[in-house]
Protein backbone atom coordinates (compact mmCIF):
# COMPACT_ATOMS: atom_id res chain seq x y z
CA MET A 1 108.98 -92.79 -2.49
CA GLN A 2 107.02 -94.28 -5.37
CA THR A 3 104.40 -96.85 -4.40
CA LYS A 4 102.85 -96.89 -7.86
CA PRO A 5 105.75 -97.59 -10.30
CA ARG A 6 105.27 -96.06 -13.75
CA THR A 7 107.80 -98.17 -15.68
CA THR A 8 108.09 -101.87 -16.35
CA ARG A 9 111.61 -101.89 -14.90
CA LEU A 10 110.36 -103.02 -11.49
CA LEU A 11 108.55 -106.00 -12.99
CA ARG A 12 111.69 -107.57 -14.47
CA GLY A 13 112.81 -108.98 -11.16
CA LEU A 14 109.50 -110.69 -10.47
CA SER A 15 109.18 -114.43 -10.81
CA VAL A 16 106.64 -116.02 -13.10
CA ALA A 17 104.88 -117.42 -10.03
CA VAL A 18 104.31 -113.96 -8.56
CA ILE A 19 102.88 -112.62 -11.80
CA ALA A 20 100.61 -115.67 -12.02
CA SER A 21 99.38 -115.03 -8.50
CA ALA A 22 98.40 -111.52 -9.46
CA MET A 23 96.50 -112.79 -12.48
CA THR A 24 94.46 -115.34 -10.50
CA LEU A 25 92.85 -112.88 -8.11
CA ALA A 26 89.52 -114.08 -6.79
CA THR A 27 86.52 -112.10 -7.94
CA ALA A 28 84.30 -110.92 -5.10
CA ALA A 29 82.15 -108.02 -4.00
CA ASP A 30 84.05 -104.82 -3.27
CA ILE A 31 85.93 -105.15 0.00
CA GLN A 32 85.65 -102.21 2.38
CA VAL A 33 88.41 -101.34 4.87
CA TYR A 34 87.77 -99.29 8.01
CA VAL A 35 90.29 -97.89 10.48
CA ASP A 36 88.64 -97.19 13.85
CA GLY A 37 85.30 -97.10 12.04
CA SER A 38 86.29 -94.64 9.29
CA PRO A 39 86.44 -95.93 5.69
CA VAL A 40 89.79 -95.95 3.91
CA ASN A 41 89.60 -94.40 0.45
CA PHE A 42 92.28 -95.85 -1.81
CA GLU A 43 93.68 -93.49 -4.44
CA TYR A 44 95.10 -96.31 -6.54
CA GLY A 45 93.64 -99.78 -6.86
CA LYS A 46 91.26 -101.40 -4.41
CA PRO A 47 91.35 -104.22 -1.83
CA MET A 48 90.91 -107.73 -3.18
CA LYS A 49 91.45 -111.38 -2.31
CA VAL A 50 94.42 -113.46 -3.44
CA HIS A 51 94.11 -117.13 -2.49
CA ASP A 52 91.56 -116.19 0.22
CA ARG A 53 93.89 -113.53 1.67
CA VAL A 54 92.89 -109.86 1.62
CA VAL A 55 95.55 -107.63 0.04
CA VAL A 56 95.36 -103.84 -0.13
CA PRO A 57 97.17 -100.99 -1.88
CA LEU A 58 100.28 -100.23 0.12
CA ARG A 59 99.95 -96.49 0.61
CA GLY A 60 96.28 -96.42 1.67
CA VAL A 61 96.51 -98.47 4.87
CA PHE A 62 100.11 -97.64 5.87
CA GLU A 63 99.59 -93.91 5.74
CA ARG A 64 96.16 -94.15 7.36
CA LEU A 65 97.85 -95.86 10.30
CA GLY A 66 100.33 -92.99 10.53
CA ALA A 67 103.31 -94.91 9.16
CA THR A 68 105.99 -93.86 6.69
CA VAL A 69 106.92 -96.14 3.80
CA ASP A 70 110.10 -96.38 1.70
CA TRP A 71 110.19 -98.23 -1.61
CA ASN A 72 113.49 -99.74 -2.78
CA SER A 73 113.37 -100.18 -6.54
CA ALA A 74 116.67 -102.07 -6.59
CA ASP A 75 115.19 -105.18 -4.95
CA SER A 76 111.45 -104.35 -4.97
CA SER A 77 111.31 -104.19 -1.17
CA ILE A 78 109.25 -102.10 1.24
CA LEU A 79 110.41 -100.66 4.55
CA CYS A 80 107.76 -99.29 6.90
CA HIS A 81 108.40 -97.21 10.05
CA LYS A 82 106.06 -96.22 12.83
CA GLY A 83 107.82 -94.85 15.88
CA THR A 84 110.39 -97.48 16.85
CA LYS A 85 108.61 -100.24 14.93
CA GLU A 86 110.13 -101.40 11.62
CA VAL A 87 108.55 -103.77 9.10
CA TRP A 88 110.30 -105.03 5.97
CA LEU A 89 108.91 -107.14 3.14
CA ARG A 90 109.69 -107.72 -0.53
CA ILE A 91 107.55 -108.33 -3.60
CA GLY A 92 107.13 -112.07 -4.14
CA ASP A 93 108.98 -113.05 -0.95
CA ARG A 94 107.16 -115.11 1.69
CA GLN A 95 109.69 -114.15 4.35
CA ALA A 96 109.25 -110.75 5.97
CA ARG A 97 110.85 -109.07 8.96
CA ILE A 98 109.36 -107.33 11.98
CA ASP A 99 112.12 -105.40 13.70
CA SER A 100 114.88 -108.04 13.83
CA GLN A 101 112.60 -111.10 13.73
CA ASN A 102 111.91 -113.06 10.54
CA VAL A 103 108.30 -114.16 9.94
CA MET A 104 106.62 -116.18 7.19
CA LEU A 105 103.73 -114.83 5.11
CA ASP A 106 100.82 -116.92 3.82
CA GLN A 107 100.56 -114.47 0.94
CA PRO A 108 103.56 -112.41 -0.27
CA ALA A 109 103.25 -108.81 -1.44
CA ILE A 110 102.57 -108.49 -5.18
CA LEU A 111 102.43 -105.92 -7.93
CA TYR A 112 99.03 -105.77 -9.61
CA ARG A 113 98.45 -103.32 -12.44
CA GLU A 114 101.49 -101.38 -11.27
CA VAL A 115 100.11 -101.01 -7.73
CA THR A 116 101.96 -102.50 -4.76
CA MET A 117 99.57 -104.79 -2.90
CA VAL A 118 100.35 -106.05 0.58
CA PRO A 119 98.66 -108.63 2.85
CA LEU A 120 96.40 -106.61 5.11
CA ARG A 121 96.33 -108.81 8.20
CA PHE A 122 100.12 -109.16 8.43
CA VAL A 123 100.78 -105.46 7.97
CA SER A 124 98.13 -104.31 10.44
CA GLU A 125 98.99 -106.83 13.16
CA ALA A 126 102.73 -106.31 12.66
CA LEU A 127 102.22 -102.62 13.36
CA GLY A 128 100.16 -103.18 16.49
CA ALA A 129 96.54 -102.96 15.27
CA ASP A 130 93.76 -105.54 15.63
CA VAL A 131 92.10 -106.82 12.45
CA SER A 132 88.58 -108.27 12.16
CA TRP A 133 86.94 -109.70 9.02
CA ASN A 134 83.17 -109.65 8.44
CA GLU A 135 82.23 -112.13 5.73
CA ALA A 136 78.63 -110.94 5.40
CA LEU A 137 79.65 -107.32 4.81
CA GLN A 138 82.90 -108.16 2.99
CA ALA A 139 84.50 -105.64 5.34
CA VAL A 140 87.73 -105.38 7.30
CA ASN A 141 87.87 -103.34 10.49
CA ILE A 142 91.26 -102.26 11.82
CA SER A 143 91.11 -101.18 15.44
CA THR A 144 93.89 -99.13 16.99
CA VAL A 145 92.10 -98.74 20.34
CA GLY A 146 94.37 -99.95 23.09
CA ALA A 147 97.03 -100.98 20.58
CA GLY A 148 100.02 -99.27 22.15
CA THR A 149 101.54 -96.78 19.72
CA TRP A 150 98.32 -96.52 17.77
CA ASN A 151 96.52 -94.05 20.07
CA ASN A 152 95.13 -90.63 19.19
CA SER A 153 98.36 -89.12 20.51
CA ASN A 154 101.64 -91.00 20.48
CA THR A 155 105.37 -90.42 20.68
CA GLY A 156 107.97 -92.38 18.74
CA SER A 157 111.55 -92.06 17.60
CA THR A 158 110.43 -89.80 14.79
CA GLY A 159 108.88 -87.30 17.21
CA THR A 160 105.37 -86.65 18.49
CA SER A 161 102.28 -86.88 16.35
CA ALA A 162 98.84 -85.91 17.56
CA ASN A 163 95.36 -86.41 16.24
CA THR A 164 93.85 -82.95 16.38
CA HIS A 165 90.32 -84.33 16.26
CA ALA A 166 88.91 -84.94 19.74
CA TYR A 167 87.31 -88.32 20.34
CA MET A 168 86.18 -90.25 23.34
CA ASP A 169 86.13 -94.03 23.60
CA VAL A 170 82.77 -95.69 24.19
CA VAL A 171 83.24 -99.13 25.74
CA LEU A 172 80.29 -101.50 26.17
CA GLU A 173 81.05 -104.73 28.02
CA PRO A 174 79.48 -108.15 27.38
CA GLY A 175 75.95 -108.42 28.70
CA THR A 176 75.08 -104.82 27.82
CA VAL A 177 71.87 -104.63 25.78
CA ILE A 178 71.45 -102.07 22.99
CA PRO A 179 67.73 -101.24 22.46
CA LEU A 180 66.81 -101.25 18.78
CA ILE A 181 63.88 -100.45 16.47
CA LEU A 182 63.68 -102.50 13.29
CA GLU A 183 63.72 -100.57 10.01
CA THR A 184 63.37 -103.56 7.63
CA GLN A 185 60.31 -105.79 7.38
CA LEU A 186 61.08 -109.53 7.63
CA ASN A 187 58.82 -112.55 7.15
CA SER A 188 59.83 -116.20 7.46
CA LYS A 189 57.76 -117.08 4.38
CA THR A 190 59.62 -114.73 2.03
CA ALA A 191 62.97 -114.04 3.75
CA LEU A 192 66.13 -115.75 2.56
CA LYS A 193 69.28 -116.64 4.41
CA GLY A 194 71.68 -113.72 4.03
CA ASP A 195 69.00 -111.03 3.62
CA ARG A 196 70.18 -107.74 5.14
CA PHE A 197 68.32 -105.61 7.67
CA THR A 198 68.92 -102.40 9.59
CA ALA A 199 67.69 -101.24 12.98
CA ARG A 200 68.08 -97.84 14.62
CA LEU A 201 69.19 -97.14 18.14
CA ASP A 202 66.31 -96.39 20.52
CA THR A 203 67.54 -93.69 22.92
CA ASN A 204 64.05 -93.25 24.40
CA GLY A 205 64.12 -89.50 23.71
CA MET A 206 67.62 -88.94 25.06
CA SER A 207 70.59 -87.61 23.05
CA ASP A 208 72.49 -90.88 23.39
CA TYR A 209 72.44 -94.34 24.91
CA GLN A 210 75.57 -95.21 26.87
CA GLY A 211 77.56 -92.85 24.63
CA LEU A 212 76.10 -94.01 21.31
CA PRO A 213 74.43 -90.93 19.75
CA VAL A 214 70.98 -90.52 18.23
CA GLY A 215 71.11 -91.64 14.60
CA THR A 216 73.25 -94.71 15.30
CA THR A 217 72.10 -97.80 13.39
CA VAL A 218 72.92 -101.50 13.42
CA MET A 219 73.40 -103.60 10.28
CA GLY A 220 72.63 -107.31 10.32
CA HIS A 221 71.53 -110.28 8.24
CA VAL A 222 69.27 -113.32 8.41
CA THR A 223 71.41 -116.27 9.51
CA GLU A 224 68.70 -118.95 9.39
CA VAL A 225 65.07 -118.99 8.26
CA LYS A 226 62.31 -121.62 8.13
CA ALA A 227 58.80 -121.07 6.81
CA LYS A 228 55.90 -122.46 8.82
CA THR A 229 54.51 -125.91 8.15
CA ASP A 230 51.27 -127.52 9.25
CA LYS A 231 52.76 -128.48 12.60
CA ASP A 232 55.65 -126.07 13.13
CA PRO A 233 55.69 -122.25 13.12
CA GLY A 234 58.12 -120.17 11.12
CA VAL A 235 61.54 -119.39 12.58
CA ILE A 236 63.98 -116.53 11.90
CA ASP A 237 67.44 -116.18 13.39
CA LEU A 238 69.29 -112.85 13.12
CA GLY A 239 72.99 -112.09 13.06
CA TYR A 240 74.63 -108.71 13.70
CA ASP A 241 77.43 -107.21 11.63
CA ALA A 242 78.20 -103.59 12.43
CA VAL A 243 77.22 -100.50 14.40
CA VAL A 244 77.10 -97.45 12.11
CA LEU A 245 77.51 -94.00 13.63
CA PRO A 246 75.71 -90.94 12.20
CA ASP A 247 78.94 -89.77 10.50
CA GLY A 248 79.25 -93.07 8.62
CA ARG A 249 81.96 -94.69 10.72
CA ARG A 250 81.20 -98.30 11.47
CA TYR A 251 82.40 -100.86 14.01
CA LEU A 252 82.02 -104.62 13.81
CA ILE A 253 79.96 -106.10 16.63
CA ASP A 254 79.46 -109.55 18.11
CA GLY A 255 75.99 -109.88 19.60
CA SER A 256 72.72 -111.79 19.84
CA THR A 257 69.00 -111.04 19.99
CA VAL A 258 67.28 -110.57 23.32
CA SER A 259 63.81 -109.49 24.44
CA LEU A 260 63.44 -106.18 26.26
CA ASP A 261 60.93 -107.50 28.81
CA ASN A 262 61.63 -107.60 32.54
CA LYS A 263 62.31 -111.33 32.42
CA SER A 264 65.18 -110.80 29.99
CA VAL A 265 66.81 -107.48 30.95
CA GLU A 266 67.26 -105.21 33.94
CA ASN A 267 67.90 -101.47 34.07
CA ARG A 268 71.04 -100.45 35.92
CA ASN A 269 71.05 -96.65 36.07
CA GLY A 270 70.04 -96.31 32.44
CA ARG A 271 72.13 -99.22 31.16
CA LEU A 272 70.20 -102.30 30.09
CA VAL A 273 71.84 -105.56 31.12
CA ALA A 274 70.79 -109.04 30.02
CA LYS A 275 69.77 -111.59 32.61
CA GLY A 276 70.98 -115.15 32.41
CA LYS A 277 73.85 -116.69 30.50
CA SER A 278 75.40 -115.41 27.30
CA ALA A 279 74.25 -116.74 23.94
CA ASP A 280 77.78 -118.15 23.49
CA GLY A 281 76.57 -121.43 25.02
CA ASN A 282 74.37 -124.07 23.40
CA LEU A 283 71.22 -121.95 23.51
CA LYS A 284 70.18 -119.00 21.39
CA SER A 285 67.24 -116.65 21.08
CA VAL A 286 65.27 -116.84 17.81
CA TRP A 287 62.04 -115.37 16.48
CA VAL A 288 59.19 -117.86 16.35
CA GLY A 289 55.85 -117.36 14.55
CA ALA A 290 53.16 -117.08 17.21
CA GLY A 291 50.91 -114.62 18.98
CA ALA A 292 50.67 -111.38 16.99
CA GLY A 293 53.22 -112.72 14.50
CA ALA A 294 56.49 -113.21 16.38
CA VAL A 295 57.83 -114.02 19.82
CA LEU A 296 61.38 -114.52 20.99
CA GLY A 297 62.17 -117.96 22.31
CA ILE A 298 65.23 -119.92 23.38
CA LEU A 299 66.11 -122.94 21.27
CA THR A 300 69.12 -125.23 20.93
CA LYS A 301 71.73 -123.36 18.87
CA THR A 302 72.88 -126.34 16.82
CA ASN A 303 69.34 -127.58 16.04
CA VAL A 304 67.30 -124.48 15.32
CA LEU A 305 66.15 -125.68 11.93
CA THR A 306 66.30 -129.44 12.35
CA THR A 307 62.63 -130.36 11.91
CA THR A 308 62.48 -133.34 14.29
CA VAL A 309 64.31 -131.55 17.08
CA VAL A 310 62.53 -128.26 16.57
CA GLY A 311 59.17 -130.02 16.76
CA ALA A 312 59.96 -131.23 20.27
CA ALA A 313 61.69 -128.03 21.31
CA LEU A 314 58.79 -125.90 20.13
CA GLY A 315 56.36 -127.94 22.20
CA TYR A 316 58.34 -126.99 25.28
CA LEU A 317 58.61 -123.42 24.01
CA TYR A 318 54.83 -123.19 23.47
CA ASP A 319 54.23 -124.25 27.06
CA ARG A 320 56.79 -121.82 28.40
CA LEU A 321 55.44 -118.89 26.39
CA ASN A 322 51.83 -119.84 27.04
CA ILE A 323 50.89 -119.87 23.36
CA ASN A 324 49.31 -123.31 23.17
CA GLY A 325 46.30 -123.50 20.88
CA ASP A 326 47.26 -120.27 19.16
CA GLY A 327 48.08 -122.01 15.87
CA THR A 328 51.22 -121.93 13.78
CA ARG A 329 52.25 -118.76 11.97
CA ASP A 330 55.08 -117.39 9.93
CA VAL A 331 57.30 -114.91 11.71
CA GLN A 332 56.20 -111.37 10.83
CA LEU A 333 58.61 -108.64 11.93
CA ASP A 334 57.37 -105.19 10.95
CA GLU A 335 59.16 -101.88 10.82
CA GLY A 336 59.02 -100.41 14.31
CA GLN A 337 59.48 -103.77 16.06
CA LYS A 338 61.45 -103.20 19.28
CA PHE A 339 64.03 -105.67 20.54
CA GLY A 340 67.47 -105.78 22.10
CA LEU A 341 70.97 -106.60 20.89
CA ARG A 342 72.99 -108.25 23.61
CA ILE A 343 76.73 -107.61 23.30
CA ASP A 344 78.63 -110.89 23.56
CA ARG A 345 82.16 -109.46 23.24
CA ASP A 346 83.66 -106.13 24.33
CA PHE A 347 82.54 -103.36 21.96
CA VAL A 348 84.70 -100.23 21.56
CA ALA A 349 84.00 -97.21 19.36
CA LYS A 350 85.40 -93.70 18.98
CA ILE A 351 82.77 -90.96 19.31
CA ASP A 352 83.16 -87.26 18.58
CA LYS A 353 83.41 -85.21 21.76
């Protein structure tokens, strides 16, 4: 099979529209693709966006998912097999086939600089894997955990294939709190929306926390920021992007900030669990400039930085946190600041045994 044609013969059957699509690729930061947390290294070409759809070099993802691929030069079509699953698509054609069912593609496969590029989401989901996109990191995570044929060991019509590397699945359910120590200094006076930060896992001297090993870090970014004014303190809201294991594998995470005090979390046999409702509702926890430089308070999610609403909300917050008369400050988060990351959606990672 040749997934990187070396002659122009294959291009003759392409329509002008397909060639034009390849020439109008959106420019963006390098897109990273991870399968179960491990980065995919593409030998030819690199992932990119076409009309807001991520496309990737054919061989890189298909083979990483354990599939076999056949290229038909007669009609520029691709046939992919994984066990009993069969996926067919053709360069420039918006209609593809999964087993015997026809499906429509938002973005057809294309040839770009002699490399076959296929729509990532369709291919991955068609073959039984879950796909998540992280805009802040410009990263795609393909998860095969619990995806049927995509386990560490699986049997299909082509025989049995086994992953010789031993892993165990770490599953953290919503409400679990991951204790963190900030590694990046943040201040509401100088921080900008989108600024990145990292925090390391706090295992409290143990070798792991709920299966996550020492050396695990969390990547995040500033989602909202407001410098202090004469009447209102500074505010910083944090978002969380990925958990990075010591070996470099990363997993996207959906979570929110929480305090580690007894009012906010409880210890259940070594597992920290958040009290109260999830941050998925209309309230969220943000850093507010007060006290020694920052306290965590609950504000209305949709009005965190609306001055008139925040003014009233902060009055209530001041009373609740007993910081009246302490003056307004900018949020100052120093390296070493401890806080919690509450998991808002099931988190699953593969860890070396």
